[in-house]
Protein backbone atom coordinates (compact mmCIF):
# COMPACT_ATOMS: atom_id res chain seq x y z
CA MET A 1 132.77 90.10 108.45
CA ARG A 2 130.27 88.76 105.95
CA ILE A 3 126.55 88.96 106.73
CA CYS A 4 123.66 87.56 104.68
CA HIS A 5 120.12 88.76 105.29
CA ILE A 6 117.19 86.57 104.27
CA THR A 7 113.98 88.56 104.20
CA TYR A 8 110.71 89.20 102.43
CA PRO A 9 110.22 92.95 103.19
CA PHE A 10 112.77 94.97 101.24
CA PRO A 11 112.35 97.88 98.82
CA PRO A 12 110.52 98.44 96.57
CA GLY A 13 107.59 98.63 98.92
CA GLY A 14 106.83 100.72 101.95
CA GLY A 15 106.48 99.79 105.59
CA GLY A 16 108.36 99.75 108.86
CA ILE A 17 110.11 96.41 108.33
CA GLU A 18 111.27 97.44 104.84
CA THR A 19 112.64 100.67 106.29
CA HIS A 20 114.38 98.75 109.08
CA ASN A 21 116.00 96.23 106.75
CA HIS A 22 117.09 98.80 104.17
CA SER A 23 118.58 101.21 106.71
CA LEU A 24 120.44 98.40 108.47
CA VAL A 25 121.98 97.09 105.25
CA LYS A 26 123.01 100.59 104.15
CA TYR A 27 124.66 101.16 107.51
CA LEU A 28 126.57 97.87 107.40
CA LEU A 29 127.83 98.61 103.90
CA HIS A 30 128.92 102.07 105.01
CA LYS A 31 130.87 100.49 107.88
CA GLY A 32 132.68 98.16 105.48
CA TYR A 33 130.84 94.88 106.06
CA ASP A 34 130.37 92.44 103.20
CA VAL A 35 126.59 92.14 102.87
CA ASP A 36 124.24 90.05 100.72
CA VAL A 37 120.46 90.24 100.83
CA ILE A 38 118.26 87.35 99.69
CA VAL A 39 114.72 88.65 99.17
CA VAL A 40 111.77 86.30 98.73
CA ARG A 41 109.43 88.45 96.63
CA PRO A 42 105.66 87.99 96.47
CA GLN A 43 104.23 87.56 92.99
CA SER A 44 102.39 90.88 93.46
CA ILE A 45 105.69 92.77 93.01
CA SER A 46 106.69 92.95 89.36
CA ARG A 47 110.16 92.38 88.03
CA GLU A 48 110.02 95.87 86.52
CA GLU A 49 109.52 97.43 89.98
CA VAL A 50 112.42 95.41 91.36
CA ALA A 51 114.64 96.40 88.42
CA ARG A 52 113.85 100.11 88.98
CA ALA A 53 114.64 99.77 92.68
CA ALA A 54 118.01 98.19 91.80
CA GLU A 55 118.95 101.41 90.03
CA THR A 56 117.57 103.74 92.72
CA VAL A 57 117.03 102.86 96.40
CA ASN A 58 118.91 99.55 96.22
CA LYS A 59 121.82 100.79 94.14
CA GLY A 60 125.09 99.43 95.51
CA ILE A 61 123.38 96.60 97.45
CA ARG A 62 123.81 92.95 96.38
CA VAL A 63 120.17 91.93 96.30
CA HIS A 64 119.38 88.34 95.22
CA ASN A 65 115.70 88.16 94.24
CA ILE A 66 113.62 85.00 94.48
CA TRP A 67 109.94 84.99 93.57
CA TYR A 68 107.77 82.99 95.91
CA ARG A 69 106.49 79.78 94.29
CA GLY A 70 104.98 78.02 97.27
CA PHE A 71 106.57 75.59 99.69
CA PRO A 72 108.97 73.79 99.31
CA LYS A 73 110.00 75.45 96.03
CA TRP A 74 110.92 78.82 97.56
CA ALA A 75 112.95 77.12 100.32
CA ILE A 76 114.89 75.12 97.74
CA ASP A 77 115.51 78.30 95.74
CA VAL A 78 116.84 80.06 98.86
CA ARG A 79 119.07 77.09 99.73
CA ARG A 80 120.58 77.15 96.25
CA LYS A 81 121.13 80.90 96.49
CA ILE A 82 122.90 80.46 99.85
CA GLU A 83 125.16 77.80 98.38
CA LYS A 84 125.99 80.05 95.44
CA ILE A 85 126.84 82.96 97.76
CA GLU A 86 129.02 80.72 99.93
CA ARG A 87 131.04 79.60 96.92
CA GLU A 88 132.30 83.19 96.76
CA GLY A 89 133.37 83.05 100.42
CA PRO A 90 132.10 81.96 103.84
CA VAL A 91 129.21 83.79 105.50
CA ASP A 92 129.75 84.56 109.18
CA VAL A 93 126.15 85.36 110.16
CA PHE A 94 122.77 84.76 108.53
CA ASP A 95 120.17 87.28 109.70
CA ILE A 96 116.67 85.91 109.01
CA HIS A 97 113.53 88.04 109.27
CA SER A 98 110.75 85.44 109.33
CA ILE A 99 110.22 82.21 111.20
CA PHE A 100 109.89 80.33 107.90
CA ASP A 101 113.29 81.57 106.72
CA VAL A 102 114.81 78.85 108.89
CA LEU A 103 113.47 76.13 106.56
CA PRO A 104 116.20 76.34 103.85
CA PHE A 105 118.82 75.54 106.52
CA LEU A 106 117.14 72.22 107.31
CA MET A 107 118.30 70.98 103.89
CA MET A 108 121.97 71.62 104.67
CA MET A 109 124.38 69.45 106.61
CA LYS A 110 126.71 72.25 107.68
CA ARG A 111 125.59 74.29 110.69
CA ARG A 112 125.34 78.08 110.21
CA THR A 113 125.23 80.94 112.71
CA ILE A 114 121.69 82.34 112.55
CA LEU A 115 120.30 85.52 114.07
CA PHE A 116 116.52 85.91 113.99
CA SER A 117 115.39 89.56 113.74
CA LEU A 118 111.90 89.15 115.17
CA HIS A 119 109.54 91.78 113.77
CA PHE A 120 106.17 90.23 114.42
CA PHE A 121 104.13 87.86 116.60
CA GLU A 122 105.32 84.79 114.71
CA LEU A 123 106.43 82.90 117.81
CA ASN A 124 103.13 83.48 119.60
CA CYS A 125 100.50 83.11 116.93
CA PRO A 126 100.05 81.13 113.69
CA GLY A 127 98.02 83.99 112.22
CA PRO A 128 96.36 85.54 110.33
CA TRP A 129 97.57 88.38 112.55
CA PRO A 130 95.27 91.22 111.36
CA ASP A 131 92.38 89.38 113.04
CA HIS A 132 93.98 89.67 116.46
CA ALA A 133 93.67 92.71 118.71
CA PRO A 134 95.10 94.07 120.84
CA ARG A 135 97.70 91.26 120.95
CA PRO A 136 98.00 87.63 119.84
CA CYS A 137 96.07 84.86 121.54
CA VAL A 138 97.73 82.34 123.84
CA HIS A 139 99.42 79.73 121.68
CA SER A 140 97.34 76.63 122.35
CA PHE A 141 95.22 74.95 119.73
CA GLY A 142 92.09 75.39 121.82
CA LYS A 143 92.52 79.17 121.38
CA CYS A 144 93.87 79.08 117.81
CA ARG A 145 91.54 76.71 115.97
CA ARG A 146 88.98 79.36 115.06
CA CYS A 147 91.65 81.13 112.96
CA SER A 148 94.30 78.69 111.84
CA GLY A 149 92.90 75.18 111.53
CA ILE A 150 94.74 72.11 112.81
CA ARG A 151 96.96 71.69 109.74
CA LYS A 152 98.26 75.25 109.85
CA TYR A 153 98.62 75.11 113.62
CA VAL A 154 100.69 71.89 113.59
CA ARG A 155 102.91 73.23 110.79
CA TRP A 156 103.49 76.44 112.74
CA ARG A 157 104.36 74.59 115.96
CA LEU A 158 106.82 72.39 114.06
CA VAL A 159 108.55 75.35 112.36
CA ARG A 160 108.71 77.20 115.67
CA TRP A 161 110.35 74.20 117.34
CA LEU A 162 112.91 74.01 114.52
CA ALA A 163 113.62 77.74 114.80
CA MET A 164 114.28 77.38 118.54
CA ARG A 165 116.90 74.73 117.77
CA LYS A 166 118.58 76.44 114.81
CA VAL A 167 118.68 80.09 115.87
CA ALA A 168 121.62 81.31 117.98
CA ARG A 169 120.01 84.58 119.13
CA PHE A 170 116.70 86.40 118.73
CA MET A 171 116.75 90.18 118.26
CA VAL A 172 113.77 92.40 119.12
CA LYS A 173 113.25 96.17 119.24
CA TYR A 174 111.17 96.54 122.39
CA ASP A 175 110.77 95.01 125.84
CA TYR A 176 107.18 94.24 124.85
CA MET A 177 108.37 91.91 122.07
CA LYS A 178 110.87 90.30 124.42
CA ARG A 179 108.09 89.51 126.90
CA LEU A 180 106.09 87.86 124.11
CA ALA A 181 109.12 85.84 122.97
CA VAL A 182 109.68 84.59 126.54
CA GLU A 183 106.00 83.61 126.71
CA ALA A 184 106.57 81.60 123.53
CA GLY A 185 109.35 79.65 125.21
CA VAL A 186 112.53 81.47 124.14
CA PRO A 187 115.03 81.66 127.04
CA GLY A 188 115.53 85.28 128.07
CA ASP A 189 119.32 85.03 127.74
CA ARG A 190 118.93 84.25 124.02
CA ILE A 191 116.95 87.44 123.34
CA GLU A 192 118.72 90.72 122.60
CA VAL A 193 116.86 94.05 122.74
CA VAL A 194 118.32 96.48 120.20
CA PRO A 195 116.16 99.64 120.21
CA HIS A 196 114.98 101.23 116.98
CA TRP A 197 117.38 103.55 115.25
CA VAL A 198 116.55 106.63 113.18
CA ASP A 199 118.66 109.36 111.66
CA VAL A 200 116.79 112.22 113.33
CA ASP A 201 118.84 115.04 111.80
CA ARG A 202 118.39 113.69 108.27
CA TYR A 203 114.66 113.22 108.76
CA GLN A 204 114.37 116.75 110.10
CA GLN A 205 115.98 118.04 106.90
CA LEU A 206 113.53 116.02 104.81
CA ALA A 207 110.54 117.47 106.65
CA ARG A 208 110.06 120.40 104.30
CA ALA A 209 106.79 121.19 102.54
CA ASP A 210 106.76 120.85 98.76
CA SER A 211 104.32 122.47 96.36
CA PHE A 212 103.06 119.10 95.12
CA ALA A 213 101.79 118.35 98.61
CA LEU A 214 100.42 121.83 99.22
CA ALA A 215 98.39 121.72 96.01
CA ALA A 216 95.64 119.68 97.68
CA LEU A 217 95.51 121.78 100.85
CA ALA A 218 94.73 125.35 101.84
CA PRO A 219 97.15 127.32 104.05
CA THR A 220 94.43 127.71 106.69
CA ASP A 221 93.71 123.97 106.95
CA LYS A 222 94.34 122.12 110.19
CA VAL A 223 95.99 118.97 108.85
CA VAL A 224 95.69 115.59 110.51
CA ILE A 225 97.96 112.93 109.05
CA HIS A 226 98.11 109.13 109.08
CA ALA A 227 101.18 107.59 107.43
CA ALA A 228 100.74 103.81 107.34
CA ARG A 229 99.20 101.03 105.29
CA LEU A 230 95.46 101.15 104.71
CA SER A 231 94.87 97.74 106.25
CA PRO A 232 92.65 96.35 109.01
CA GLU A 233 95.26 96.21 111.76
CA LYS A 234 96.04 99.92 111.27
CA GLY A 235 92.46 100.85 112.20
CA VAL A 236 91.96 103.03 109.13
CA LEU A 237 88.16 102.74 109.08
CA THR A 238 88.00 103.73 112.75
CA LEU A 239 90.25 106.66 111.87
CA LEU A 240 87.83 107.82 109.17
CA GLU A 241 84.93 107.60 111.63
CA ALA A 242 86.94 109.65 114.12
CA PHE A 243 87.78 112.24 111.49
CA ASN A 244 84.11 112.46 110.47
CA ARG A 245 83.26 113.37 114.06
CA LEU A 246 86.20 115.77 114.28
CA ARG A 247 85.33 117.74 111.14
CA LYS A 248 81.84 118.42 112.53
CA ALA A 249 83.50 120.14 115.49
CA MET A 250 86.24 121.83 113.43
CA SER A 251 85.26 122.82 109.90
CA ASP A 252 88.82 123.67 108.82
CA VAL A 253 90.30 120.24 109.54
CA ARG A 254 91.64 118.00 106.71
CA LEU A 255 92.89 114.43 106.77
CA VAL A 256 95.91 113.27 104.74
CA LEU A 257 96.37 109.52 104.31
CA VAL A 258 99.89 108.56 103.20
CA GLY A 259 100.00 104.90 102.24
CA ASP A 260 98.03 102.28 100.37
CA GLY A 261 96.50 98.93 101.13
CA VAL A 262 93.61 96.52 100.89
CA LEU A 263 91.13 98.95 102.49
CA ARG A 264 91.76 101.81 100.06
CA ARG A 265 88.60 101.24 98.04
CA GLU A 266 86.46 100.74 101.15
CA ALA A 267 87.92 103.91 102.69
CA GLU A 268 87.17 105.93 99.55
CA THR A 269 83.62 104.56 99.49
CA TYR A 270 83.12 105.60 103.11
CA CYS A 271 84.28 109.13 102.29
CA ARG A 272 81.85 109.38 99.37
CA ASN A 273 78.94 108.03 101.41
CA GLU A 274 79.65 110.49 104.23
CA HIS A 275 80.28 113.36 101.76
CA ILE A 276 83.76 114.06 103.13
CA GLU A 277 85.76 113.21 99.99
CA ASP A 278 86.79 116.87 99.71
CA LYS A 279 88.16 116.72 103.27
CA VAL A 280 90.32 113.60 102.84
CA VAL A 281 93.45 113.43 100.68
CA PHE A 282 94.54 109.94 99.58
CA VAL A 283 98.24 110.30 98.75
CA GLY A 284 98.91 106.62 98.11
CA SER A 285 102.19 104.79 98.59
CA VAL A 286 105.39 106.87 98.50
CA GLU A 287 109.07 106.25 99.26
CA HIS A 288 109.87 106.52 102.95
CA GLU A 289 111.84 109.75 102.59
CA GLU A 290 108.91 111.35 100.75
CA VAL A 291 106.70 110.81 103.80
CA PHE A 292 108.44 113.63 105.67
CA LYS A 293 107.39 116.21 103.09
CA TYR A 294 103.80 115.43 104.02
CA LEU A 295 104.53 115.26 107.74
CA SER A 296 105.84 118.82 107.53
CA LEU A 297 102.29 119.96 106.68
CA ALA A 298 100.63 118.29 109.67
CA HIS A 299 99.33 119.79 112.87
CA CYS A 300 98.60 116.38 114.39
CA ALA A 301 99.39 112.73 113.62
CA ILE A 302 97.07 109.89 114.56
CA SER A 303 98.09 106.27 115.07
CA CYS A 304 95.01 104.13 115.64
CA GLN A 305 96.36 100.61 115.42
CA LEU A 306 94.38 97.74 116.92
CA TYR A 307 97.64 96.20 118.09
CA ASP A 308 101.20 97.40 117.78
CA ASN A 309 104.34 95.41 117.15
CA TYR A 310 106.74 97.70 115.35
CA SER A 311 105.77 101.37 115.17
CA TRP A 312 108.23 102.91 112.75
CA SER A 313 105.51 105.41 111.88
CA LEU A 314 105.49 106.64 115.50
CA LEU A 315 109.21 107.32 115.24
CA ASP A 316 108.62 109.23 111.99
CA TYR A 317 106.02 111.41 113.72
CA MET A 318 108.40 112.05 116.61
CA CYS A 319 111.25 113.00 114.25
CA ALA A 320 108.97 115.38 112.34
CA GLY A 321 108.17 117.28 115.53
CA ILE A 322 104.37 117.04 115.38
CA PRO A 323 101.99 116.16 118.25
CA ILE A 324 100.76 112.57 118.30
CA VAL A 325 97.51 110.90 119.28
CA ALA A 326 97.97 107.12 119.57
CA THR A 327 96.09 104.06 120.75
CA ASP A 328 97.75 102.52 123.79
CA VAL A 329 98.26 98.98 122.47
CA GLY A 330 101.21 96.61 122.30
CA ALA A 331 104.57 98.36 122.18
CA THR A 332 103.19 101.92 122.06
CA SER A 333 103.96 102.57 125.72
CA ASP A 334 107.55 101.40 125.13
CA ILE A 335 107.94 104.37 122.77
CA LEU A 336 105.54 107.07 123.97
CA GLN A 337 104.41 108.38 127.34
CA ASP A 338 100.84 109.56 127.77
CA GLY A 339 100.62 113.28 128.47
CA HIS A 340 104.35 113.78 127.91
CA THR A 341 105.18 112.75 124.34
CA ALA A 342 101.65 111.96 123.09
CA LEU A 343 98.02 111.69 124.07
CA PHE A 344 96.81 108.10 124.37
CA ALA A 345 93.33 107.21 123.16
CA ASP A 346 91.09 104.17 123.19
CA PRO A 347 90.72 102.49 119.77
CA THR A 348 87.30 104.10 119.25
CA ALA A 349 86.18 106.94 116.98
CA GLU A 350 84.89 108.92 119.97
CA SER A 351 88.15 108.76 121.92
CA LEU A 352 90.41 109.44 118.92
CA SER A 353 88.40 112.45 117.75
CA ALA A 354 88.26 113.94 121.26
CA LYS A 355 92.03 113.64 121.76
CA ALA A 356 92.79 115.04 118.30
CA GLU A 357 90.48 118.01 118.91
CA GLN A 358 92.23 118.65 122.23
CA VAL A 359 95.61 118.81 120.49
CA LEU A 360 94.40 120.96 117.61
CA ARG A 361 92.66 123.50 119.85
CA ASP A 362 95.45 123.79 122.43
CA ALA A 363 98.56 125.01 120.58
CA GLN A 364 100.70 125.03 123.73
CA LEU A 365 99.82 121.42 124.48
CA GLY A 366 100.69 120.39 120.92
CA GLN A 367 104.02 122.20 121.01
CA ARG A 368 104.94 120.63 124.35
CA LEU A 369 104.08 117.11 123.20
CA ALA A 370 106.01 117.56 119.95
CA ALA A 371 109.10 118.98 121.68
CA ASN A 372 109.15 116.17 124.24
CA ALA A 373 108.70 113.54 121.54
CA LEU A 374 111.57 114.95 119.48
CA ALA A 375 113.87 115.03 122.52
CA THR A 376 112.90 111.44 123.38
CA VAL A 377 113.55 110.05 119.91
CA ARG A 378 116.94 111.75 119.87
CA ARG A 379 117.83 110.19 123.22
CA LYS A 380 116.37 106.69 122.91
CA HIS A 381 116.42 105.96 119.18
CA ALA A 382 119.54 107.60 117.82
CA ILE A 383 121.32 106.13 114.81
CA GLY A 384 124.06 105.11 117.25
CA ASN A 385 121.85 102.20 118.36
CA LEU A 386 123.15 100.40 115.29
CA THR A 387 126.44 99.86 117.11
CA GLN A 388 124.52 97.50 119.40
CA TYR A 389 123.65 95.41 116.34
CA GLU A 390 127.33 95.31 115.38
CA GLU A 391 128.31 94.20 118.88
CA LEU A 392 125.65 91.49 118.76
CA VAL A 393 126.75 89.91 115.47
CA HIS A 394 130.39 89.94 116.61
CA ARG A 395 129.66 88.00 119.80
CA LEU A 396 127.29 85.44 118.32
CA PRO A 397 128.47 81.88 119.02
CA LYS A 398 130.19 80.65 115.86
């Protein structure tokens, strides 16, 4: 079977969707599928970075890179790339990863079998999504106009209508996302829930401390970690406020931030103004597998998202066997259970710091939460879930 993915998140670059797409493609290649990946790259990613990735993380993957040039140029470029790929042989399934990836198919007469891997709130909200918490607004212009404007709203409604007509099946990772898709008008029988998959045993092997990570920390430090983008929807500034409260109660606590983003400079400024720069380690962006070397140092992980749609970082924390404090938003309760696999907190500095202190002071509680989380991720999110994806693409209507 030949499968072609059309996506924008793909290495180089970190994030849950990139990790999802890359792991899925590697699995399909390992199983003998013929796979192509068309990646619409933002101009912020250089050709040098992409070339290095082709020789490292993407080695052995047929990646067709297109640099975004605005609409309709990028859609025309993708259409041409599809036609070129199809000259080498028919494609059985196109797996798209954004609502706008349906647009190139409008320029083609021949009908294709399309699967939409839905990662975000694209069917419910025209965006910009970081402004919405804890979940998207109801999709009516009366509720959307303060964010999108009538032009953007009408364009989004039109593309959504086209996607409903062109897409054979929608794939989501959680029941929460399925409920949102049904609210947006997708019939429930066209939505497939394929739970997240992680290679727990491999990630456990990666979770070993390295000297480069230890260099910034003392052996006696109580390490709190946050491995995600430094962006508004991840609640990073609230996290820093929570840590500032926590370090006043526990002098030996340190915060490690693994990831980069638009709020990096503002976060560093906050640390300087509050005189906690020596308590916070900014690691920056690293390859996904490198994250586990830092997770191995942690005594507690905090997820303080304002809303939650994907949560690969929660699965990483569970695999690493560390206790988790998380805000109960979006899909979090589809993954974690309060008091059993994590402690849930309100998205406030006071609540987050109190829950983190509880975990750090009560070693037995932390060990119990971590053990339950590891057992849960092994049971619910094993790598074997990928067989459900295989079954799905084989029974798509051709």
